[in-house]
Amino acid sequence: MVIEQFGKQKVYFDNLSDGKIKTVFKQMKGRKALVVCSKGNRARIGDCLNQCGQNKVWFSDFSSNPVYEDIKKAVALFLNEQCDSIISLGGGSAIDVAKCVKAFCNMDEKPEYTKQQISPNAIEHLAIPTTAGTGSESTHFAVLYEKGRKKSISDPSLLPDYVWLNPAFIKTLPSYQKKCTMLDALCQAIESFWSVRATDESKKYASSAITGILRYAEPYLEECTDKPAEADILWAANLAGRAIDITQTTAAHAMSYKLTSNYNIPHGQAVAVCLPGVWKFLISNTEKCTDVRGREYLEGMLRQLTRLFGVESNEDAVKALEAFYQSVSMEKEAVVAKEDLEELARSVDMQRLGNFPVKIETKDIYEIYAGLTQENAGNDAEYIYWYTASRMAAVREERYNILKVMPQMAVCFQDKKRRMRHGAFLNA
């Protein structure tokens, strides 16, 4: 069992046996836990909770995008059952519901919880992610929807006290969900890297996440049994979450939400299609720098980001990202209608763009969305075809030691018995 300590948070990283995971549950001081998860996920930990004598009450009555009414029901159950700890098992939605319960359980019922000040409490929270992408287990904020509008809450006390990263839990994810959540993690890391809030610590997490995802995406998505990559991707996603916990996200995330609500495009894919246009705008407008560290810092940071993608120029880095997205082969097309462009541009909350390192206006957002219309799709098809073909040629080789993932980047998979090493690319 690998145990990492990040501030107050303790992270357990392993395919833990029942005997080992009991020690994790027993770390919690509470006598009765509210367990937030879907009904389908209950079997994953139910027996183990019973065996270690953990008193519990299940809460599964929430949507994939939790609404305020879901949270109220969870808080009421927590209070009525006299729970004193929380376990969340699932994707970002389950973990966010659990964070909201922790935030709201000691508030008055009126006015609305979202209008009251969060008061830190000692209620412990164990988060167990079953997707590799949201990074919610690593952050001190949560998302909910109130009257149709997305709202975020944040407080340092909302960072889960314990995290269990179990690669076995993401192995059986549907292919499309694997792709979307992995893309979300990659985009989080890239946006964190250029955020005006970026620090040396956050950039270390972000660069490690980018490197890990680019290296291990292929075996992860192909479910290669001789070179399993679930542990690598799960750890990379966790690092991406740590990065945005420090920096928050920027323009691409702000633009993605309306694509999800209007076109039913999953969040990770929606961010991924917005990001290239945002990156191009950033490259072309460094003279509008808003980062207090100045334009020289910004341009140096962009060169660092380019090197993570193993290419020579900023423009090629964007093409490499587009090529990576294309190589993932998303099952659903993500394009927007020309008649929706004005509505999309107006929908972006410009105040949420404060972390973006250059000045960006609604007219610029409009132009970036315009790049997602059908007539503008595939402008870099030749580059993408070359990139994808070169990768597939490497994969088709019967015997190989090096799998090319990005130009000038490689990773060795010669050891078929490679054990998961949580820090294998931390300083890459």
Protein backbone atom coordinates (compact mmCIF):
# COMPACT_ATOMS: atom_id res chain seq x y z
CA MET A 1 0.00 0.00 0.00
CA VAL A 2 1.42 3.37 -1.05
CA ILE A 3 0.53 6.22 1.29
CA GLU A 4 1.15 9.86 0.39
CA GLN A 5 0.51 12.86 2.61
CA PHE A 6 -0.51 16.11 0.92
CA GLY A 7 -1.04 18.64 3.67
CA LYS A 8 -3.92 17.37 5.77
CA GLN A 9 -4.94 14.81 3.11
CA LYS A 10 -3.76 11.20 3.23
CA VAL A 11 -3.81 9.32 -0.09
CA TYR A 12 -3.85 5.52 -0.30
CA PHE A 13 -2.79 4.27 -3.71
CA ASP A 14 -3.14 0.55 -4.40
CA ASN A 15 -5.34 -2.29 -5.56
CA LEU A 16 -6.08 -2.85 -1.90
CA SER A 17 -7.28 -6.18 -0.57
CA ASP A 18 -10.22 -6.22 1.81
CA GLY A 19 -7.81 -6.59 4.70
CA LYS A 20 -5.84 -3.50 3.73
CA ILE A 21 -8.81 -1.31 2.94
CA LYS A 22 -10.25 -2.05 6.36
CA THR A 23 -7.31 -0.13 7.79
CA VAL A 24 -8.33 2.84 5.64
CA PHE A 25 -11.92 2.78 6.89
CA LYS A 26 -10.73 2.38 10.47
CA GLN A 27 -8.66 5.57 10.12
CA MET A 28 -11.92 7.47 10.22
CA LYS A 29 -13.03 8.52 13.67
CA GLY A 30 -16.76 8.67 12.95
CA ARG A 31 -19.25 6.11 14.21
CA LYS A 32 -21.73 6.35 11.33
CA ALA A 33 -20.99 7.33 7.73
CA LEU A 34 -23.15 8.76 5.00
CA VAL A 35 -22.02 6.85 1.90
CA VAL A 36 -22.63 8.85 -1.28
CA CYS A 37 -22.58 6.69 -4.40
CA SER A 38 -24.80 5.35 -7.16
CA LYS A 39 -26.78 2.19 -6.42
CA GLY A 40 -24.59 0.34 -8.90
CA ASN A 41 -21.46 1.19 -6.94
CA ARG A 42 -22.68 -0.01 -3.55
CA ALA A 43 -21.42 -3.56 -4.07
CA ARG A 44 -17.86 -2.33 -4.51
CA ILE A 45 -17.44 -1.45 -0.84
CA GLY A 46 -20.60 -2.65 0.88
CA ASP A 47 -19.25 -6.03 2.04
CA CYS A 48 -16.01 -4.51 3.24
CA LEU A 49 -17.85 -1.85 5.24
CA ASN A 50 -19.97 -4.56 6.82
CA GLN A 51 -16.95 -6.71 7.68
CA CYS A 52 -15.16 -3.89 9.44
CA GLY A 53 -18.27 -2.96 11.40
CA GLN A 54 -18.77 0.43 9.77
CA ASN A 55 -22.25 1.80 10.48
CA LYS A 56 -23.55 3.48 7.36
CA VAL A 57 -26.50 4.92 5.49
CA TRP A 58 -26.53 5.05 1.69
CA PHE A 59 -27.39 8.11 -0.40
CA SER A 60 -27.83 7.56 -4.13
CA ASP A 61 -30.60 9.99 -5.03
CA PHE A 62 -28.58 12.49 -7.08
CA SER A 63 -28.12 13.28 -10.76
CA SER A 64 -24.96 13.28 -12.85
CA ASN A 65 -24.96 17.07 -12.54
CA PRO A 66 -26.10 17.46 -8.91
CA VAL A 67 -28.79 20.04 -8.31
CA TYR A 68 -29.52 21.97 -5.14
CA GLU A 69 -32.54 19.78 -4.35
CA ASP A 70 -30.28 16.67 -4.41
CA ILE A 71 -27.96 18.31 -1.91
CA LYS A 72 -30.82 19.27 0.42
CA LYS A 73 -31.98 15.63 0.51
CA ALA A 74 -28.45 14.44 1.29
CA VAL A 75 -28.03 16.97 4.09
CA ALA A 76 -31.39 16.03 5.59
CA LEU A 77 -30.46 12.33 5.54
CA PHE A 78 -27.07 13.06 7.11
CA LEU A 79 -28.73 14.98 9.96
CA ASN A 80 -31.73 12.69 10.48
CA GLU A 81 -29.51 9.60 10.66
CA GLN A 82 -27.07 11.39 12.97
CA CYS A 83 -24.09 10.64 10.72
CA ASP A 84 -20.69 12.00 11.69
CA SER A 85 -18.52 11.11 8.67
CA ILE A 86 -18.84 10.85 4.89
CA ILE A 87 -17.61 8.35 2.29
CA SER A 88 -17.99 9.18 -1.40
CA LEU A 89 -17.53 6.60 -4.14
CA GLY A 90 -17.89 7.55 -7.79
CA GLY A 91 -17.01 10.29 -10.23
CA GLY A 92 -16.95 14.01 -9.62
CA SER A 93 -20.69 14.18 -8.97
CA ALA A 94 -20.65 11.82 -5.97
CA ILE A 95 -17.59 13.50 -4.50
CA ASP A 96 -19.09 16.97 -5.02
CA VAL A 97 -22.33 15.93 -3.30
CA ALA A 98 -20.29 14.71 -0.34
CA LYS A 99 -18.36 17.99 -0.18
CA CYS A 100 -21.61 19.94 -0.23
CA VAL A 101 -23.00 17.86 2.63
CA LYS A 102 -19.87 18.60 4.66
CA ALA A 103 -20.16 22.31 3.84
CA PHE A 104 -23.90 22.67 4.55
CA CYS A 105 -24.64 20.22 7.37
CA ASN A 106 -24.04 22.77 10.14
CA MET A 107 -25.97 25.60 8.45
CA ASP A 108 -29.52 26.77 9.00
CA GLU A 109 -32.01 25.44 6.46
CA LYS A 110 -32.93 29.00 5.46
CA PRO A 111 -31.79 31.04 3.67
CA GLU A 112 -30.43 28.80 0.93
CA TYR A 113 -27.21 27.02 1.88
CA THR A 114 -25.42 28.65 -1.05
CA LYS A 115 -26.08 32.08 0.44
CA GLN A 116 -24.49 31.25 3.79
CA GLN A 117 -20.87 31.33 4.88
CA ILE A 118 -19.14 27.95 5.10
CA SER A 119 -18.02 27.20 8.63
CA PRO A 120 -15.26 24.53 8.77
CA ASN A 121 -16.07 21.43 10.79
CA ALA A 122 -14.35 18.23 11.88
CA ILE A 123 -16.50 15.84 9.81
CA GLU A 124 -14.13 13.47 8.01
CA HIS A 125 -14.52 12.63 4.34
CA LEU A 126 -13.03 9.66 2.48
CA ALA A 127 -13.20 10.10 -1.32
CA ILE A 128 -12.89 7.07 -3.61
CA PRO A 129 -12.86 8.10 -7.30
CA THR A 130 -14.09 5.59 -9.87
CA THR A 131 -13.10 7.71 -12.87
CA ALA A 132 -9.75 9.17 -13.85
CA GLY A 133 -10.39 12.74 -14.86
CA THR A 134 -12.36 15.06 -12.62
CA GLY A 135 -9.68 15.35 -9.92
CA SER A 136 -12.44 16.24 -7.46
CA GLU A 137 -10.79 14.14 -4.77
CA SER A 138 -7.86 16.59 -4.90
CA THR A 139 -9.69 19.90 -4.71
CA HIS A 140 -11.32 22.10 -2.09
CA PHE A 141 -14.27 23.18 -4.24
CA ALA A 142 -17.48 21.58 -5.50
CA VAL A 143 -20.04 22.24 -8.21
CA LEU A 144 -23.82 22.13 -8.05
CA TYR A 145 -26.69 23.55 -10.10
CA GLU A 146 -29.25 25.85 -8.54
CA LYS A 147 -32.25 27.01 -10.58
CA GLY A 148 -30.48 25.90 -13.72
CA ARG A 149 -27.30 27.87 -13.04
CA LYS A 150 -23.94 26.36 -12.26
CA LYS A 151 -22.59 27.37 -8.85
CA SER A 152 -19.28 26.65 -7.20
CA ILE A 153 -18.54 26.51 -3.49
CA SER A 154 -15.07 26.47 -2.04
CA ASP A 155 -13.34 26.31 1.29
CA PRO A 156 -10.03 24.75 2.35
CA SER A 157 -11.95 22.47 4.72
CA LEU A 158 -13.69 20.77 1.76
CA LEU A 159 -10.53 18.98 0.64
CA PRO A 160 -11.25 15.31 1.50
CA ASP A 161 -9.31 14.02 4.50
CA TYR A 162 -8.62 10.63 2.91
CA VAL A 163 -8.44 9.41 -0.67
CA TRP A 164 -8.32 5.83 -1.93
CA LEU A 165 -7.03 5.55 -5.50
CA ASN A 166 -7.80 2.03 -6.70
CA PRO A 167 -6.87 1.38 -10.37
CA ALA A 168 -9.23 -1.61 -10.42
CA PHE A 169 -12.19 0.75 -10.09
CA ILE A 170 -11.49 2.47 -13.43
CA LYS A 171 -10.59 -0.65 -15.39
CA THR A 172 -14.20 -1.45 -16.27
CA LEU A 173 -15.26 2.06 -17.28
CA PRO A 174 -16.97 2.30 -20.69
CA SER A 175 -14.55 3.39 -23.42
CA TYR A 176 -16.27 6.71 -24.11
CA GLN A 177 -16.27 7.64 -20.42
CA LYS A 178 -12.57 6.77 -20.18
CA LYS A 179 -11.83 9.08 -23.08
CA CYS A 180 -13.92 11.99 -21.81
CA THR A 181 -12.58 11.92 -18.26
CA MET A 182 -8.98 11.52 -19.44
CA LEU A 183 -9.38 14.52 -21.75
CA ASP A 184 -10.78 16.53 -18.84
CA ALA A 185 -7.67 15.77 -16.78
CA LEU A 186 -5.35 16.73 -19.65
CA CYS A 187 -7.19 20.02 -20.21
CA GLN A 188 -7.15 20.80 -16.49
CA ALA A 189 -3.38 20.37 -16.44
CA ILE A 190 -2.81 22.55 -19.51
CA GLU A 191 -5.07 25.34 -18.26
CA SER A 192 -3.49 25.18 -14.82
CA PHE A 193 -0.05 25.52 -16.36
CA TRP A 194 -0.82 28.93 -17.89
CA SER A 195 -3.17 30.24 -15.18
CA VAL A 196 -2.25 33.56 -13.58
CA ARG A 197 -2.41 31.67 -10.27
CA ALA A 198 0.20 29.12 -11.34
CA THR A 199 3.04 28.45 -8.91
CA ASP A 200 6.13 26.28 -9.07
CA GLU A 201 4.22 23.61 -7.16
CA SER A 202 1.15 23.68 -9.41
CA LYS A 203 3.29 23.60 -12.56
CA LYS A 204 5.13 20.56 -11.26
CA TYR A 205 1.82 18.77 -10.77
CA ALA A 206 0.49 19.97 -14.14
CA SER A 207 3.59 19.03 -16.14
CA SER A 208 3.66 15.58 -14.54
CA ALA A 209 -0.02 15.09 -15.35
CA ILE A 210 0.46 16.14 -18.98
CA THR A 211 3.46 13.86 -19.39
CA GLY A 212 1.70 10.93 -17.76
CA ILE A 213 -1.46 11.23 -19.87
CA LEU A 214 0.42 11.59 -23.14
CA ARG A 215 2.59 8.60 -22.30
CA TYR A 216 -0.03 6.20 -21.05
CA ALA A 217 -3.21 7.16 -22.92
CA GLU A 218 -2.83 4.49 -25.56
CA PRO A 219 -2.38 1.41 -23.36
CA TYR A 220 -5.04 2.77 -21.01
CA LEU A 221 -7.65 3.11 -23.74
CA GLU A 222 -6.67 -0.14 -25.42
CA GLU A 223 -6.84 -2.01 -22.10
CA CYS A 224 -3.54 -3.76 -22.78
CA THR A 225 -3.20 -6.55 -20.24
CA ASP A 226 0.58 -6.85 -20.67
CA LYS A 227 1.15 -3.17 -19.95
CA PRO A 228 -1.76 -1.99 -17.76
CA ALA A 229 -1.89 1.78 -17.48
CA GLU A 230 -4.87 2.39 -15.20
CA ALA A 231 -2.59 3.26 -12.27
CA ASP A 232 -0.60 5.75 -14.36
CA ILE A 233 -3.66 7.54 -15.70
CA LEU A 234 -5.37 7.56 -12.30
CA TRP A 235 -2.31 9.15 -10.72
CA ALA A 236 -1.96 11.67 -13.57
CA ALA A 237 -5.59 12.70 -13.13
CA ASN A 238 -5.03 13.09 -9.40
CA LEU A 239 -2.06 15.37 -10.08
CA ALA A 240 -4.12 17.43 -12.53
CA GLY A 241 -6.67 17.88 -9.76
CA ARG A 242 -3.94 19.05 -7.39
CA ALA A 243 -2.83 21.57 -9.99
CA ILE A 244 -6.27 23.14 -10.42
CA ASP A 245 -6.80 23.07 -6.66
CA ILE A 246 -4.08 25.73 -6.59
CA THR A 247 -4.84 27.60 -9.82
CA GLN A 248 -8.44 26.81 -10.85
CA THR A 249 -9.26 26.51 -14.56
CA THR A 250 -9.45 29.18 -17.26
CA ALA A 251 -11.20 30.03 -20.53
CA ALA A 252 -11.68 26.58 -22.08
CA HIS A 253 -13.54 25.29 -19.04
CA ALA A 254 -15.66 28.44 -18.89
CA MET A 255 -16.62 27.94 -22.54
CA SER A 256 -17.37 24.24 -22.16
CA TYR A 257 -20.40 24.42 -19.87
CA LYS A 258 -22.85 25.73 -22.46
CA LEU A 259 -21.71 23.10 -24.95
CA THR A 260 -22.63 20.44 -22.41
CA SER A 261 -26.02 21.94 -21.57
CA ASN A 262 -26.99 22.85 -25.17
CA TYR A 263 -25.53 19.94 -27.12
CA ASN A 264 -25.25 17.24 -24.47
CA ILE A 265 -21.51 16.97 -25.13
CA PRO A 266 -19.80 15.35 -22.12
CA HIS A 267 -17.78 17.82 -20.09
CA GLY A 268 -14.32 16.43 -20.86
CA GLN A 269 -14.94 16.39 -24.60
CA ALA A 270 -16.49 19.87 -24.51
CA VAL A 271 -13.38 21.30 -22.84
CA ALA A 272 -11.09 19.43 -25.23
CA VAL A 273 -12.70 20.92 -28.35
CA CYS A 274 -12.55 24.45 -26.89
CA LEU A 275 -8.95 24.27 -25.73
CA PRO A 276 -7.09 24.44 -29.10
CA GLY A 277 -8.85 27.67 -30.07
CA VAL A 278 -8.18 29.15 -26.64
CA TRP A 279 -4.51 28.15 -26.87
CA LYS A 280 -4.17 29.70 -30.34
CA PHE A 281 -5.69 32.93 -29.05
CA LEU A 282 -3.27 32.97 -26.13
CA ILE A 283 -0.26 32.44 -28.39
CA SER A 284 -1.34 35.29 -30.69
CA ASN A 285 -2.10 37.81 -27.95
CA THR A 286 0.74 37.72 -25.44
CA GLU A 287 0.97 41.52 -25.75
CA LYS A 288 -2.36 41.60 -23.85
CA CYS A 289 -0.79 39.83 -20.88
CA THR A 290 -2.67 40.24 -17.59
CA ASP A 291 -0.36 38.07 -15.49
CA VAL A 292 1.51 40.33 -13.06
CA ARG A 293 4.71 38.43 -13.88
CA GLY A 294 4.64 40.00 -17.33
CA ARG A 295 4.79 39.09 -20.99
CA GLU A 296 8.31 37.68 -20.83
CA TYR A 297 7.23 35.21 -18.15
CA LEU A 298 4.13 34.29 -20.15
CA GLU A 299 6.07 33.58 -23.33
CA GLY A 300 8.63 31.56 -21.39
CA MET A 301 5.86 29.52 -19.82
CA LEU A 302 4.38 28.80 -23.26
CA ARG A 303 7.78 27.52 -24.42
CA GLN A 304 7.88 25.20 -21.41
CA LEU A 305 4.43 23.91 -22.29
CA THR A 306 5.51 23.34 -25.87
CA ARG A 307 8.43 21.21 -24.72
CA LEU A 308 6.05 19.00 -22.73
CA PHE A 309 4.43 18.11 -26.05
CA GLY A 310 7.82 17.34 -27.58
CA VAL A 311 7.61 19.84 -30.43
CA GLU A 312 9.55 22.97 -31.40
CA SER A 313 6.95 25.72 -31.70
CA ASN A 314 3.84 26.91 -29.89
CA GLU A 315 1.79 26.39 -33.03
CA ASP A 316 2.94 22.78 -33.34
CA ALA A 317 2.05 22.18 -29.70
CA VAL A 318 -1.55 23.16 -30.46
CA LYS A 319 -1.51 20.88 -33.51
CA ALA A 320 -0.15 18.08 -31.36
CA LEU A 321 -3.04 18.55 -28.93
CA GLU A 322 -5.51 18.45 -31.83
CA ALA A 323 -3.79 15.35 -33.15
CA PHE A 324 -3.97 13.69 -29.76
CA TYR A 325 -7.70 14.43 -29.58
CA GLN A 326 -8.20 13.03 -33.07
CA SER A 327 -6.25 9.88 -32.24
CA VAL A 328 -8.52 9.21 -29.27
CA SER A 329 -11.36 8.66 -31.78
CA MET A 330 -14.33 10.12 -29.94
CA GLU A 331 -17.59 8.35 -30.69
CA LYS A 332 -19.60 11.57 -30.73
CA GLU A 333 -18.90 14.56 -32.95
CA ALA A 334 -18.60 17.92 -31.19
CA VAL A 335 -19.62 20.75 -33.52
CA VAL A 336 -21.79 23.80 -32.96
CA ALA A 337 -24.42 25.45 -35.14
CA LYS A 338 -23.62 28.87 -36.63
CA GLU A 339 -26.95 30.23 -35.45
CA ASP A 340 -25.97 29.47 -31.84
CA LEU A 341 -22.69 31.39 -31.83
CA GLU A 342 -24.02 34.61 -30.31
CA GLU A 343 -25.87 32.78 -27.55
CA LEU A 344 -22.79 30.70 -26.75
CA ALA A 345 -20.52 33.74 -26.59
CA ARG A 346 -22.93 35.64 -24.35
CA SER A 347 -23.29 32.64 -22.03
CA VAL A 348 -19.67 32.71 -20.86
CA ASP A 349 -19.32 34.44 -17.52
CA MET A 350 -16.47 36.87 -18.21
CA GLN A 351 -15.72 37.11 -14.49
CA ARG A 352 -14.75 33.43 -14.58
CA LEU A 353 -11.98 34.29 -17.04
CA GLY A 354 -9.91 36.14 -14.46
CA ASN A 355 -7.37 33.28 -14.35
CA PHE A 356 -6.69 33.48 -18.08
CA PRO A 357 -3.31 35.20 -18.64
CA VAL A 358 -4.33 37.56 -21.48
CA LYS A 359 -7.28 39.90 -21.91
CA ILE A 360 -10.12 38.16 -23.72
CA GLU A 361 -13.47 39.65 -24.70
CA THR A 362 -16.84 38.34 -25.78
CA LYS A 363 -16.02 38.94 -29.46
CA ASP A 364 -12.93 36.75 -29.05
CA ILE A 365 -15.00 34.02 -27.41
CA TYR A 366 -17.37 34.22 -30.39
CA GLU A 367 -14.50 33.65 -32.84
CA ILE A 368 -13.21 30.67 -30.87
CA TYR A 369 -16.68 29.10 -30.87
CA ALA A 370 -16.90 29.79 -34.61
CA GLY A 371 -13.93 27.47 -35.04
CA LEU A 372 -16.14 24.64 -33.81
CA THR A 373 -18.71 24.91 -36.61
CA GLN A 374 -18.85 22.16 -39.20
CA GLU A 375 -17.27 24.26 -41.94
CA ASN A 376 -14.19 24.97 -39.81
CA ALA A 377 -13.64 21.44 -38.53
CA GLY A 378 -10.58 19.52 -39.64
CA ASN A 379 -8.33 22.40 -40.69
CA ASP A 380 -5.28 20.46 -39.48
CA ALA A 381 -6.33 17.17 -41.01
CA GLU A 382 -3.01 16.60 -42.81
CA TYR A 383 -0.96 17.00 -39.62
CA ILE A 384 -3.42 14.89 -37.67
CA TYR A 385 -3.35 12.15 -40.31
CA TRP A 386 0.45 12.02 -40.19
CA TYR A 387 0.49 11.94 -36.42
CA THR A 388 -2.17 9.26 -36.09
CA ALA A 389 -0.64 7.10 -38.83
CA SER A 390 2.81 7.23 -37.24
CA ARG A 391 1.41 6.15 -33.88
CA MET A 392 -0.60 3.32 -35.38
CA ALA A 393 2.44 2.06 -37.28
CA ALA A 394 4.32 1.78 -34.00
CA VAL A 395 1.44 -0.04 -32.37
CA ARG A 396 1.18 -2.56 -35.22
CA GLU A 397 4.77 -3.69 -34.79
CA GLU A 398 4.74 -7.24 -33.46
CA ARG A 399 7.63 -6.65 -31.08
CA TYR A 400 8.78 -3.26 -29.87
CA ASN A 401 10.43 -1.61 -26.90
CA ILE A 402 9.42 1.97 -27.54
CA LEU A 403 5.91 3.19 -28.13
CA LYS A 404 5.87 6.64 -29.69
CA VAL A 405 3.21 8.76 -28.11
CA MET A 406 4.17 12.26 -29.19
CA PRO A 407 6.94 13.45 -31.52
CA GLN A 408 10.26 13.24 -29.67
CA MET A 409 8.62 11.63 -26.60
CA ALA A 410 8.72 7.93 -25.84
CA VAL A 411 8.16 5.49 -23.04
CA CYS A 412 9.49 1.99 -22.65
CA PHE A 413 7.04 -0.84 -22.11
CA GLN A 414 9.60 -3.64 -22.33
CA ASP A 415 8.92 -4.88 -18.81
CA LYS A 416 5.59 -6.62 -19.09
CA LYS A 417 5.50 -7.17 -15.35
CA ARG A 418 5.88 -3.48 -14.61
CA ARG A 419 4.31 -2.70 -11.28
CA MET A 420 2.47 0.55 -10.82
CA ARG A 421 4.75 3.25 -9.54
CA HIS A 422 2.78 6.25 -8.39
CA GLY A 423 5.70 8.61 -8.79
CA ALA A 424 7.17 7.18 -11.98
CA PHE A 425 6.74 10.42 -13.92
CA LEU A 426 6.51 12.94 -11.10
CA ASN A 427 9.78 14.60 -12.07
CA ALA A 428 9.68 13.78 -15.77
